[in-house]
Amino acid sequence: MAKILVADDEQLIRKLINDCLSKEGHQIIEAENGLMALNAFKKNPDINMALLDIMMPEMDGWEVCRKIRETSGIPIILVSARSQDFDQIVGFESGADDYVTKPFSLTVLSKRV
C-alpha cells in the first residue's frame, strides 16, 4: 500500500489517522509540526501522499504544501478546522489536491486517500 506523511500538531488526530490508515495496510510517517513534515518528506523520497494540517508550529501546512510541490506531484490533502472558502482557496492555490475540514469522518478520509 502507500507510504503516507501525516502532519498535525494534535497528537490525538495523528493517532486516529495512523490507526485508521495502518489497518488498511498503509505505512504512516508522523510529524508534529510543519518543519518536521518537510524534513520527513525530504528524508523519505518514497512517500506517496501527504495529509497536512494547516495550523502547525514552525511552518504552516500551506507552506509545507508549496515546498512539496516544488519537487513532487504526490497527492496532498489538507486537513483543517479552518473551513472558510478563503482557507480552501489558499489551500488549492498552494497545490493541495483535496481539503477536508475537522471534525471529519475517518471513513470518509480513508475513502479520499
PDB file of N, CA and C in Angstrom:
ATOM      1  N   MET A   1       0.841  -1.180   0.000  1.00  0.00           N
ATOM      2  CA  MET A   1       0.000   0.000   0.000  1.00  0.00           C
ATOM      3  C   MET A   1       0.893   1.254   0.000  1.00  0.00           C
ATOM      4  N   ALA A   2       0.318   2.375   0.365  1.00  0.00           N
ATOM      5  CA  ALA A   2       1.016   3.656   0.255  1.00  0.00           C
ATOM      6  C   ALA A   2       1.774   4.026   1.522  1.00  0.00           C
ATOM      7  N   LYS A   3       2.837   4.799   1.336  1.00  0.00           N
ATOM      8  CA  LYS A   3       3.540   5.430   2.451  1.00  0.00           C
ATOM      9  C   LYS A   3       3.001   6.855   2.533  1.00  0.00           C
ATOM     10  N   ILE A   4       2.394   7.193   3.688  1.00  0.00           N
ATOM     11  CA  ILE A   4       1.677   8.458   3.833  1.00  0.00           C
ATOM     12  C   ILE A   4       2.267   9.296   4.959  1.00  0.00           C
ATOM     13  N   LEU A   5       2.553  10.562   4.649  1.00  0.00           N
ATOM     14  CA  LEU A   5       3.000  11.519   5.640  1.00  0.00           C
ATOM     15  C   LEU A   5       1.770  12.156   6.275  1.00  0.00           C
ATOM     16  N   VAL A   6       1.664  12.073   7.603  1.00  0.00           N
ATOM     17  CA  VAL A   6       0.562  12.682   8.348  1.00  0.00           C
ATOM     18  C   VAL A   6       1.159  13.734   9.265  1.00  0.00           C
ATOM     19  N   ALA A   7       0.849  15.007   8.987  1.00  0.00           N
ATOM     20  CA  ALA A   7       1.404  16.109   9.763  1.00  0.00           C
ATOM     21  C   ALA A   7       0.275  16.880  10.442  1.00  0.00           C
ATOM     22  N   ASP A   8       0.299  16.867  11.762  1.00  0.00           N
ATOM     23  CA  ASP A   8      -0.696  17.596  12.559  1.00  0.00           C
ATOM     24  C   ASP A   8      -0.094  17.820  13.930  1.00  0.00           C
ATOM     25  N   ASP A   9      -0.298  19.001  14.503  1.00  0.00           N
ATOM     26  CA  ASP A   9       0.273  19.271  15.822  1.00  0.00           C
ATOM     27  C   ASP A   9      -0.537  18.639  16.946  1.00  0.00           C
ATOM     28  N   GLU A  10      -1.707  18.097  16.630  1.00  0.00           N
ATOM     29  CA  GLU A  10      -2.510  17.409  17.639  1.00  0.00           C
ATOM     30  C   GLU A  10      -2.206  15.907  17.592  1.00  0.00           C
ATOM     31  N   GLN A  11      -1.614  15.415  18.666  1.00  0.00           N
ATOM     32  CA  GLN A  11      -1.216  14.005  18.719  1.00  0.00           C
ATOM     33  C   GLN A  11      -2.407  13.072  18.536  1.00  0.00           C
ATOM     34  N   LEU A  12      -3.552  13.411  19.126  1.00  0.00           N
ATOM     35  CA  LEU A  12      -4.729  12.553  19.007  1.00  0.00           C
ATOM     36  C   LEU A  12      -5.177  12.418  17.550  1.00  0.00           C
ATOM     37  N   ILE A  13      -5.146  13.501  16.812  1.00  0.00           N
ATOM     38  CA  ILE A  13      -5.529  13.452  15.388  1.00  0.00           C
ATOM     39  C   ILE A  13      -4.569  12.550  14.624  1.00  0.00           C
ATOM     40  N   ARG A  14      -3.264  12.720  14.871  1.00  0.00           N
ATOM     41  CA  ARG A  14      -2.276  11.861  14.195  1.00  0.00           C
ATOM     42  C   ARG A  14      -2.521  10.400  14.524  1.00  0.00           C
ATOM     43  N   LYS A  15      -2.787  10.112  15.794  1.00  0.00           N
ATOM     44  CA  LYS A  15      -3.018   8.721  16.205  1.00  0.00           C
ATOM     45  C   LYS A  15      -4.260   8.134  15.539  1.00  0.00           C
ATOM     46  N   LEU A  16      -5.345   8.904  15.510  1.00  0.00           N
ATOM     47  CA  LEU A  16      -6.574   8.416  14.887  1.00  0.00           C
ATOM     48  C   LEU A  16      -6.361   8.115  13.404  1.00  0.00           C
ATOM     49  N   ILE A  17      -5.717   9.037  12.707  1.00  0.00           N
ATOM     50  CA  ILE A  17      -5.456   8.825  11.281  1.00  0.00           C
ATOM     51  C   ILE A  17      -4.509   7.646  11.086  1.00  0.00           C
ATOM     52  N   ASN A  18      -3.458   7.589  11.900  1.00  0.00           N
ATOM     53  CA  ASN A  18      -2.492   6.493  11.817  1.00  0.00           C
ATOM     54  C   ASN A  18      -3.187   5.150  12.016  1.00  0.00           C
ATOM     55  N   ASP A  19      -3.987   5.044  13.084  1.00  0.00           N
ATOM     56  CA  ASP A  19      -4.670   3.778  13.368  1.00  0.00           C
ATOM     57  C   ASP A  19      -5.582   3.366  12.211  1.00  0.00           C
ATOM     58  N   CYS A  20      -6.338   4.321  11.709  1.00  0.00           N
ATOM     59  CA  CYS A  20      -7.281   4.034  10.627  1.00  0.00           C
ATOM     60  C   CYS A  20      -6.567   3.579   9.358  1.00  0.00           C
ATOM     61  N   LEU A  21      -5.582   4.341   8.932  1.00  0.00           N
ATOM     62  CA  LEU A  21      -4.915   4.029   7.664  1.00  0.00           C
ATOM     63  C   LEU A  21      -3.959   2.850   7.774  1.00  0.00           C
ATOM     64  N   SER A  22      -3.371   2.639   8.948  1.00  0.00           N
ATOM     65  CA  SER A  22      -2.498   1.475   9.145  1.00  0.00           C
ATOM     66  C   SER A  22      -3.287   0.180   9.024  1.00  0.00           C
ATOM     67  N   LYS A  23      -4.512   0.178   9.512  1.00  0.00           N
ATOM     68  CA  LYS A  23      -5.365  -1.018   9.415  1.00  0.00           C
ATOM     69  C   LYS A  23      -5.637  -1.388   7.962  1.00  0.00           C
ATOM     70  N   GLU A  24      -5.540  -0.401   7.089  1.00  0.00           N
ATOM     71  CA  GLU A  24      -5.761  -0.661   5.662  1.00  0.00           C
ATOM     72  C   GLU A  24      -4.467  -1.025   4.941  1.00  0.00           C
ATOM     73  N   GLY A  25      -3.382  -1.111   5.699  1.00  0.00           N
ATOM     74  CA  GLY A  25      -2.117  -1.536   5.125  1.00  0.00           C
ATOM     75  C   GLY A  25      -1.161  -0.422   4.743  1.00  0.00           C
ATOM     76  N   HIS A  26      -1.543   0.821   4.994  1.00  0.00           N
ATOM     77  CA  HIS A  26      -0.656   1.942   4.668  1.00  0.00           C
ATOM     78  C   HIS A  26       0.419   2.096   5.737  1.00  0.00           C
ATOM     79  N   GLN A  27       1.573   2.571   5.325  1.00  0.00           N
ATOM     80  CA  GLN A  27       2.650   2.895   6.254  1.00  0.00           C
ATOM     81  C   GLN A  27       2.575   4.394   6.526  1.00  0.00           C
ATOM     82  N   ILE A  28       2.548   4.763   7.798  1.00  0.00           N
ATOM     83  CA  ILE A  28       2.368   6.158   8.180  1.00  0.00           C
ATOM     84  C   ILE A  28       3.657   6.725   8.767  1.00  0.00           C
ATOM     85  N   ILE A  29       4.003   7.915   8.311  1.00  0.00           N
ATOM     86  CA  ILE A  29       5.098   8.688   8.891  1.00  0.00           C
ATOM     87  C   ILE A  29       4.455   9.915   9.509  1.00  0.00           C
ATOM     88  N   GLU A  30       4.662  10.120  10.802  1.00  0.00           N
ATOM     89  CA  GLU A  30       4.028  11.219  11.511  1.00  0.00           C
ATOM     90  C   GLU A  30       4.988  12.388  11.716  1.00  0.00           C
ATOM     91  N   ALA A  31       4.414  13.593  11.702  1.00  0.00           N
ATOM     92  CA  ALA A  31       5.169  14.810  12.007  1.00  0.00           C
ATOM     93  C   ALA A  31       4.273  15.718  12.834  1.00  0.00           C
ATOM     94  N   GLU A  32       4.855  16.345  13.875  1.00  0.00           N
ATOM     95  CA  GLU A  32       4.051  17.170  14.768  1.00  0.00           C
ATOM     96  C   GLU A  32       4.115  18.658  14.454  1.00  0.00           C
ATOM     97  N   ASN A  33       4.910  19.038  13.471  1.00  0.00           N
ATOM     98  CA  ASN A  33       4.918  20.436  13.025  1.00  0.00           C
ATOM     99  C   ASN A  33       5.338  20.479  11.564  1.00  0.00           C
ATOM    100  N   GLY A  34       5.208  21.659  10.978  1.00  0.00           N
ATOM    101  CA  GLY A  34       5.480  21.790   9.555  1.00  0.00           C
ATOM    102  C   GLY A  34       6.919  21.533   9.160  1.00  0.00           C
ATOM    103  N   LEU A  35       7.843  21.992   9.975  1.00  0.00           N
ATOM    104  CA  LEU A  35       9.259  21.775   9.672  1.00  0.00           C
ATOM    105  C   LEU A  35       9.607  20.288   9.715  1.00  0.00           C
ATOM    106  N   MET A  36       9.092  19.591  10.728  1.00  0.00           N
ATOM    107  CA  MET A  36       9.319  18.144  10.808  1.00  0.00           C
ATOM    108  C   MET A  36       8.689  17.436   9.605  1.00  0.00           C
ATOM    109  N   ALA A  37       7.539  17.911   9.158  1.00  0.00           N
ATOM    110  CA  ALA A  37       6.872  17.308   7.995  1.00  0.00           C
ATOM    111  C   ALA A  37       7.739  17.456   6.753  1.00  0.00           C
ATOM    112  N   LEU A  38       8.256  18.648   6.532  1.00  0.00           N
ATOM    113  CA  LEU A  38       9.099  18.876   5.359  1.00  0.00           C
ATOM    114  C   LEU A  38      10.377  18.050   5.431  1.00  0.00           C
ATOM    115  N   ASN A  39      10.982  17.969   6.607  1.00  0.00           N
ATOM    116  CA  ASN A  39      12.183  17.149   6.768  1.00  0.00           C
ATOM    117  C   ASN A  39      11.880  15.670   6.538  1.00  0.00           C
ATOM    118  N   ALA A  40      10.742  15.197   7.044  1.00  0.00           N
ATOM    119  CA  ALA A  40      10.356  13.795   6.829  1.00  0.00           C
ATOM    120  C   ALA A  40      10.145  13.523   5.340  1.00  0.00           C
ATOM    121  N   PHE A  41       9.535  14.468   4.652  1.00  0.00           N
ATOM    122  CA  PHE A  41       9.318  14.312   3.217  1.00  0.00           C
ATOM    123  C   PHE A  41      10.656  14.211   2.474  1.00  0.00           C
ATOM    124  N   LYS A  42      11.595  15.065   2.840  1.00  0.00           N
ATOM    125  CA  LYS A  42      12.902  15.054   2.181  1.00  0.00           C
ATOM    126  C   LYS A  42      13.679  13.775   2.473  1.00  0.00           C
ATOM    127  N   LYS A  43      13.523  13.214   3.684  1.00  0.00           N
ATOM    128  CA  LYS A  43      14.254  12.009   4.072  1.00  0.00           C
ATOM    129  C   LYS A  43      13.618  10.732   3.533  1.00  0.00           C
ATOM    130  N   ASN A  44      12.377  10.827   3.085  1.00  0.00           N
ATOM    131  CA  ASN A  44      11.644   9.650   2.595  1.00  0.00           C
ATOM    132  C   ASN A  44      11.129   9.919   1.183  1.00  0.00           C
ATOM    133  N   PRO A  45      11.991   9.778   0.181  1.00  0.00           N
ATOM    134  CA  PRO A  45      11.578  10.098  -1.190  1.00  0.00           C
ATOM    135  C   PRO A  45      10.492   9.170  -1.745  1.00  0.00           C
ATOM    136  N   ASP A  46      10.202   8.088  -1.014  1.00  0.00           N
ATOM    137  CA  ASP A  46       9.183   7.151  -1.478  1.00  0.00           C
ATOM    138  C   ASP A  46       7.804   7.427  -0.867  1.00  0.00           C
ATOM    139  N   ILE A  47       7.618   8.583  -0.229  1.00  0.00           N
ATOM    140  CA  ILE A  47       6.295   8.943   0.288  1.00  0.00           C
ATOM    141  C   ILE A  47       5.351   9.099  -0.895  1.00  0.00           C
ATOM    142  N   ASN A  48       4.170   8.496  -0.782  1.00  0.00           N
ATOM    143  CA  ASN A  48       3.189   8.506  -1.863  1.00  0.00           C
ATOM    144  C   ASN A  48       2.102   9.562  -1.721  1.00  0.00           C
ATOM    145  N   MET A  49       1.919  10.081  -0.487  1.00  0.00           N
ATOM    146  CA  MET A  49       0.824  11.014  -0.230  1.00  0.00           C
ATOM    147  C   MET A  49       1.108  11.765   1.057  1.00  0.00           C
ATOM    148  N   ALA A  50       0.523  12.970   1.174  1.00  0.00           N
ATOM    149  CA  ALA A  50       0.663  13.745   2.409  1.00  0.00           C
ATOM    150  C   ALA A  50      -0.708  14.243   2.867  1.00  0.00           C
ATOM    151  N   LEU A  51      -0.949  14.120   4.173  1.00  0.00           N
ATOM    152  CA  LEU A  51      -2.123  14.702   4.826  1.00  0.00           C
ATOM    153  C   LEU A  51      -1.578  15.774   5.749  1.00  0.00           C
ATOM    154  N   LEU A  52      -1.905  17.033   5.490  1.00  0.00           N
ATOM    155  CA  LEU A  52      -1.300  18.145   6.212  1.00  0.00           C
ATOM    156  C   LEU A  52      -2.355  19.001   6.904  1.00  0.00           C
ATOM    157  N   ASP A  53      -2.150  19.250   8.194  1.00  0.00           N
ATOM    158  CA  ASP A  53      -2.945  20.245   8.898  1.00  0.00           C
ATOM    159  C   ASP A  53      -2.437  21.617   8.445  1.00  0.00           C
ATOM    160  N   ILE A  54      -3.284  22.620   8.492  1.00  0.00           N
ATOM    161  CA  ILE A  54      -2.833  23.962   8.108  1.00  0.00           C
ATOM    162  C   ILE A  54      -2.136  24.658   9.264  1.00  0.00           C
ATOM    163  N   MET A  55      -2.782  24.709  10.407  1.00  0.00           N
ATOM    164  CA  MET A  55      -2.265  25.476  11.537  1.00  0.00           C
ATOM    165  C   MET A  55      -1.304  24.624  12.372  1.00  0.00           C
ATOM    166  N   MET A  56      -0.026  24.646  11.982  1.00  0.00           N
ATOM    167  CA  MET A  56       1.009  23.912  12.706  1.00  0.00           C
ATOM    168  C   MET A  56       2.128  24.875  13.085  1.00  0.00           C
ATOM    169  N   PRO A  57       2.837  24.567  14.179  1.00  0.00           N
ATOM    170  CA  PRO A  57       4.002  25.389  14.527  1.00  0.00           C
ATOM    171  C   PRO A  57       5.136  25.201  13.517  1.00  0.00           C
ATOM    172  N   GLU A  58       6.084  26.107  13.567  1.00  0.00           N
ATOM    173  CA  GLU A  58       7.301  26.097  12.752  1.00  0.00           C
ATOM    174  C   GLU A  58       7.050  26.468  11.295  1.00  0.00           C
ATOM    175  N   MET A  59       6.040  25.869  10.668  1.00  0.00           N
ATOM    176  CA  MET A  59       5.701  26.149   9.267  1.00  0.00           C
ATOM    177  C   MET A  59       4.279  25.659   9.057  1.00  0.00           C
ATOM    178  N   ASP A  60       3.423  26.501   8.479  1.00  0.00           N
ATOM    179  CA  ASP A  60       2.031  26.064   8.313  1.00  0.00           C
ATOM    180  C   ASP A  60       1.898  25.080   7.148  1.00  0.00           C
ATOM    181  N   GLY A  61       0.770  24.419   7.103  1.00  0.00           N
ATOM    182  CA  GLY A  61       0.531  23.401   6.086  1.00  0.00           C
ATOM    183  C   GLY A  61       0.523  23.934   4.665  1.00  0.00           C
ATOM    184  N   TRP A  62       0.075  25.200   4.494  1.00  0.00           N
ATOM    185  CA  TRP A  62       0.104  25.791   3.167  1.00  0.00           C
ATOM    186  C   TRP A  62       1.543  25.871   2.655  1.00  0.00           C
ATOM    187  N   GLU A  63       2.468  26.310   3.531  1.00  0.00           N
ATOM    188  CA  GLU A  63       3.866  26.445   3.127  1.00  0.00           C
ATOM    189  C   GLU A  63       4.499  25.069   2.879  1.00  0.00           C
ATOM    190  N   VAL A  64       4.179  24.096   3.730  1.00  0.00           N
ATOM    191  CA  VAL A  64       4.688  22.734   3.518  1.00  0.00           C
ATOM    192  C   VAL A  64       4.210  22.225   2.163  1.00  0.00           C
ATOM    193  N   CYS A  65       2.947  22.468   1.871  1.00  0.00           N
ATOM    194  CA  CYS A  65       2.376  22.042   0.593  1.00  0.00           C
ATOM    195  C   CYS A  65       3.131  22.690  -0.572  1.00  0.00           C
ATOM    196  N   ARG A  66       3.370  23.990  -0.494  1.00  0.00           N
ATOM    197  CA  ARG A  66       4.111  24.679  -1.561  1.00  0.00           C
ATOM    198  C   ARG A  66       5.515  24.103  -1.733  1.00  0.00           C
ATOM    199  N   LYS A  67       6.184  23.818  -0.612  1.00  0.00           N
ATOM    200  CA  LYS A  67       7.550  23.278  -0.669  1.00  0.00           C
ATOM    201  C   LYS A  67       7.554  21.879  -1.294  1.00  0.00           C
ATOM    202  N   ILE A  68       6.584  21.051  -0.930  1.00  0.00           N
ATOM    203  CA  ILE A  68       6.498  19.710  -1.524  1.00  0.00           C
ATOM    204  C   ILE A  68       6.259  19.826  -3.031  1.00  0.00           C
ATOM    205  N   ARG A  69       5.396  20.748  -3.416  1.00  0.00           N
ATOM    206  CA  ARG A  69       5.067  20.933  -4.831  1.00  0.00           C
ATOM    207  C   ARG A  69       6.267  21.368  -5.672  1.00  0.00           C
ATOM    208  N   GLU A  70       7.282  21.935  -5.047  1.00  0.00           N
ATOM    209  CA  GLU A  70       8.482  22.335  -5.787  1.00  0.00           C
ATOM    210  C   GLU A  70       9.198  21.140  -6.408  1.00  0.00           C
ATOM    211  N   THR A  71       9.030  19.968  -5.782  1.00  0.00           N
ATOM    212  CA  THR A  71       9.764  18.793  -6.258  1.00  0.00           C
ATOM    213  C   THR A  71       8.904  17.559  -6.500  1.00  0.00           C
ATOM    214  N   SER A  72       7.610  17.617  -6.149  1.00  0.00           N
ATOM    215  CA  SER A  72       6.809  16.399  -6.224  1.00  0.00           C
ATOM    216  C   SER A  72       5.355  16.685  -6.602  1.00  0.00           C
ATOM    217  N   GLY A  73       4.768  15.722  -7.254  1.00  0.00           N
ATOM    218  CA  GLY A  73       3.359  15.794  -7.622  1.00  0.00           C
ATOM    219  C   GLY A  73       2.496  14.822  -6.839  1.00  0.00           C
ATOM    220  N   ILE A  74       2.994  14.354  -5.671  1.00  0.00           N
ATOM    221  CA  ILE A  74       2.206  13.410  -4.880  1.00  0.00           C
ATOM    222  C   ILE A  74       0.870  14.035  -4.484  1.00  0.00           C
ATOM    223  N   PRO A  75      -0.150  13.219  -4.266  1.00  0.00           N
ATOM    224  CA  PRO A  75      -1.424  13.757  -3.785  1.00  0.00           C
ATOM    225  C   PRO A  75      -1.248  14.371  -2.389  1.00  0.00           C
ATOM    226  N   ILE A  76      -1.840  15.546  -2.190  1.00  0.00           N
ATOM    227  CA  ILE A  76      -1.794  16.223  -0.900  1.00  0.00           C
ATOM    228  C   ILE A  76      -3.215  16.581  -0.495  1.00  0.00           C
ATOM    229  N   ILE A  77      -3.588  16.161   0.705  1.00  0.00           N
ATOM    230  CA  ILE A  77      -4.880  16.522   1.280  1.00  0.00           C
ATOM    231  C   ILE A  77      -4.629  17.405   2.489  1.00  0.00           C
ATOM    232  N   LEU A  78      -5.237  18.591   2.501  1.00  0.00           N
ATOM    233  CA  LEU A  78      -5.176  19.442   3.680  1.00  0.00           C
ATOM    234  C   LEU A  78      -6.323  19.057   4.601  1.00  0.00           C
ATOM    235  N   VAL A  79      -5.999  18.898   5.886  1.00  0.00           N
ATOM    236  CA  VAL A  79      -6.990  18.522   6.900  1.00  0.00           C
ATOM    237  C   VAL A  79      -6.964  19.629   7.939  1.00  0.00           C
ATOM    238  N   SER A  80      -8.061  20.392   8.038  1.00  0.00           N
ATOM    239  CA  SER A  80      -8.010  21.567   8.897  1.00  0.00           C
ATOM    240  C   SER A  80      -9.362  21.931   9.489  1.00  0.00           C
ATOM    241  N   ALA A  81      -9.321  22.579  10.643  1.00  0.00           N
ATOM    242  CA  ALA A  81     -10.531  23.127  11.248  1.00  0.00           C
ATOM    243  C   ALA A  81     -10.936  24.419  10.543  1.00  0.00           C
ATOM    244  N   ARG A  82     -10.041  24.979   9.761  1.00  0.00           N
ATOM    245  CA  ARG A  82     -10.345  26.202   9.023  1.00  0.00           C
ATOM    246  C   ARG A  82     -11.225  25.832   7.829  1.00  0.00           C
ATOM    247  N   SER A  83     -12.456  26.336   7.843  1.00  0.00           N
ATOM    248  CA  SER A  83     -13.421  25.882   6.841  1.00  0.00           C
ATOM    249  C   SER A  83     -13.950  26.987   5.933  1.00  0.00           C
ATOM    250  N   GLN A  84     -13.397  28.181   6.041  1.00  0.00           N
ATOM    251  CA  GLN A  84     -13.857  29.275   5.189  1.00  0.00           C
ATOM    252  C   GLN A  84     -13.412  29.039   3.740  1.00  0.00           C
ATOM    253  N   ASP A  85     -14.182  29.571   2.813  1.00  0.00           N
ATOM    254  CA  ASP A  85     -13.819  29.459   1.395  1.00  0.00           C
ATOM    255  C   ASP A  85     -12.391  29.958   1.156  1.00  0.00           C
ATOM    256  N   PHE A  86     -12.035  31.079   1.792  1.00  0.00           N
ATOM    257  CA  PHE A  86     -10.701  31.650   1.625  1.00  0.00           C
ATOM    258  C   PHE A  86      -9.619  30.624   1.958  1.00  0.00           C
ATOM    259  N   ASP A  87      -9.790  29.916   3.088  1.00  0.00           N
ATOM    260  CA  ASP A  87      -8.793  28.933   3.512  1.00  0.00           C
ATOM    261  C   ASP A  87      -8.656  27.804   2.489  1.00  0.00           C
ATOM    262  N   GLN A  88      -9.782  27.357   1.977  1.00  0.00           N
ATOM    263  CA  GLN A  88      -9.753  26.287   0.991  1.00  0.00           C
ATOM    264  C   GLN A  88      -9.127  26.764  -0.320  1.00  0.00           C
ATOM    265  N   ILE A  89      -9.453  27.992  -0.727  1.00  0.00           N
ATOM    266  CA  ILE A  89      -8.865  28.546  -1.953  1.00  0.00           C
ATOM    267  C   ILE A  89      -7.353  28.657  -1.819  1.00  0.00           C
ATOM    268  N   VAL A  90      -6.876  29.185  -0.681  1.00  0.00           N
ATOM    269  CA  VAL A  90      -5.432  29.277  -0.458  1.00  0.00           C
ATOM    270  C   VAL A  90      -4.818  27.879  -0.497  1.00  0.00           C
ATOM    271  N   GLY A  91      -5.513  26.899   0.076  1.00  0.00           N
ATOM    272  CA  GLY A  91      -5.024  25.526   0.052  1.00  0.00           C
ATOM    273  C   GLY A  91      -4.852  24.992  -1.357  1.00  0.00           C
ATOM    274  N   PHE A  92      -5.868  25.192  -2.187  1.00  0.00           N
ATOM    275  CA  PHE A  92      -5.771  24.717  -3.569  1.00  0.00           C
ATOM    276  C   PHE A  92      -4.713  25.497  -4.341  1.00  0.00           C
ATOM    277  N   GLU A  93      -4.607  26.794  -4.079  1.00  0.00           N
ATOM    278  CA  GLU A  93      -3.572  27.592  -4.746  1.00  0.00           C
ATOM    279  C   GLU A  93      -2.169  27.200  -4.284  1.00  0.00           C
ATOM    280  N   SER A  94      -2.067  26.622  -3.094  1.00  0.00           N
ATOM    281  CA  SER A  94      -0.775  26.147  -2.580  1.00  0.00           C
ATOM    282  C   SER A  94      -0.369  24.827  -3.206  1.00  0.00           C
ATOM    283  N   GLY A  95      -1.312  24.173  -3.889  1.00  0.00           N
ATOM    284  CA  GLY A  95      -1.007  22.911  -4.558  1.00  0.00           C
ATOM    285  C   GLY A  95      -1.739  21.706  -4.014  1.00  0.00           C
ATOM    286  N   ALA A  96      -2.645  21.902  -3.057  1.00  0.00           N
ATOM    287  CA  ALA A  96      -3.383  20.767  -2.490  1.00  0.00           C
ATOM    288  C   ALA A  96      -4.334  20.172  -3.527  1.00  0.00           C
ATOM    289  N   ASP A  97      -4.549  18.871  -3.415  1.00  0.00           N
ATOM    290  CA  ASP A  97      -5.476  18.175  -4.302  1.00  0.00           C
ATOM    291  C   ASP A  97      -6.876  18.071  -3.702  1.00  0.00           C
ATOM    292  N   ASP A  98      -6.945  18.124  -2.377  1.00  0.00           N
ATOM    293  CA  ASP A  98      -8.234  17.986  -1.694  1.00  0.00           C
ATOM    294  C   ASP A  98      -8.146  18.710  -0.364  1.00  0.00           C
ATOM    295  N   TYR A  99      -9.299  18.924   0.262  1.00  0.00           N
ATOM    296  CA  TYR A  99      -9.381  19.679   1.512  1.00  0.00           C
ATOM    297  C   TYR A  99     -10.472  19.051   2.358  1.00  0.00           C
ATOM    298  N   VAL A 100     -10.120  18.626   3.565  1.00  0.00           N
ATOM    299  CA  VAL A 100     -11.077  18.008   4.477  1.00  0.00           C
ATOM    300  C   VAL A 100     -11.141  18.854   5.742  1.00  0.00           C
ATOM    301  N   THR A 101     -12.354  19.205   6.165  1.00  0.00           N
ATOM    302  CA  THR A 101     -12.489  20.029   7.361  1.00  0.00           C
ATOM    303  C   THR A 101     -12.713  19.161   8.599  1.00  0.00           C
ATOM    304  N   LYS A 102     -12.136  19.625   9.713  1.00  0.00           N
ATOM    305  CA  LYS A 102     -12.317  18.973  11.007  1.00  0.00           C
ATOM    306  C   LYS A 102     -13.582  19.528  11.634  1.00  0.00           C
ATOM    307  N   PRO A 103     -14.328  18.739  12.364  1.00  0.00           N
ATOM    308  CA  PRO A 103     -14.138  17.294  12.542  1.00  0.00           C
ATOM    309  C   PRO A 103     -14.505  16.550  11.261  1.00  0.00           C
ATOM    310  N   PHE A 104     -13.891  15.419  11.065  1.00  0.00           N
ATOM    311  CA  PHE A 104     -14.112  14.644   9.855  1.00  0.00           C
ATOM    312  C   PHE A 104     -14.386  13.199  10.212  1.00  0.00           C
ATOM    313  N   SER A 105     -14.972  12.496   9.292  1.00  0.00           N
ATOM    314  CA  SER A 105     -15.219  11.065   9.427  1.00  0.00           C
ATOM    315  C   SER A 105     -13.968  10.318   8.963  1.00  0.00           C
ATOM    316  N   LEU A 106     -13.474   9.415   9.798  1.00  0.00           N
ATOM    317  CA  LEU A 106     -12.308   8.625   9.389  1.00  0.00           C
ATOM    318  C   LEU A 106     -12.629   7.764   8.173  1.00  0.00           C
ATOM    319  N   THR A 107     -13.868   7.311   8.081  1.00  0.00           N
ATOM    320  CA  THR A 107     -14.276   6.503   6.932  1.00  0.00           C
ATOM    321  C   THR A 107     -14.202   7.321   5.649  1.00  0.00           C
ATOM    322  N   VAL A 108     -14.706   8.554   5.698  1.00  0.00           N
ATOM    323  CA  VAL A 108     -14.658   9.424   4.519  1.00  0.00           C
ATOM    324  C   VAL A 108     -13.201   9.779   4.185  1.00  0.00           C
ATOM    325  N   LEU A 109     -12.407  10.097   5.188  1.00  0.00           N
ATOM    326  CA  LEU A 109     -10.997  10.409   4.945  1.00  0.00           C
ATOM    327  C   LEU A 109     -10.306   9.216   4.289  1.00  0.00           C
ATOM    328  N   SER A 110     -10.572   8.038   4.795  1.00  0.00           N
ATOM    329  CA  SER A 110      -9.987   6.824   4.232  1.00  0.00           C
ATOM    330  C   SER A 110     -10.361   6.651   2.766  1.00  0.00           C
ATOM    331  N   LYS A 111     -11.586   6.927   2.427  1.00  0.00           N
ATOM    332  CA  LYS A 111     -12.026   6.798   1.025  1.00  0.00           C
ATOM    333  C   LYS A 111     -11.353   7.835   0.150  1.00  0.00           C
ATOM    334  N   ARG A 112     -11.127   9.041   0.685  1.00  0.00           N
ATOM    335  CA  ARG A 112     -10.432  10.066  -0.090  1.00  0.00           C
ATOM    336  C   ARG A 112      -8.985   9.670  -0.337  1.00  0.00           C
ATOM    337  N   VAL A 113      -8.363   9.032   0.645  1.00  0.00           N
ATOM    338  CA  VAL A 113      -6.992   8.539   0.484  1.00  0.00           C
ATOM    339  C   VAL A 113      -6.964   7.478  -0.590  1.00  0.00           C
TER     340      VAL A 113
END
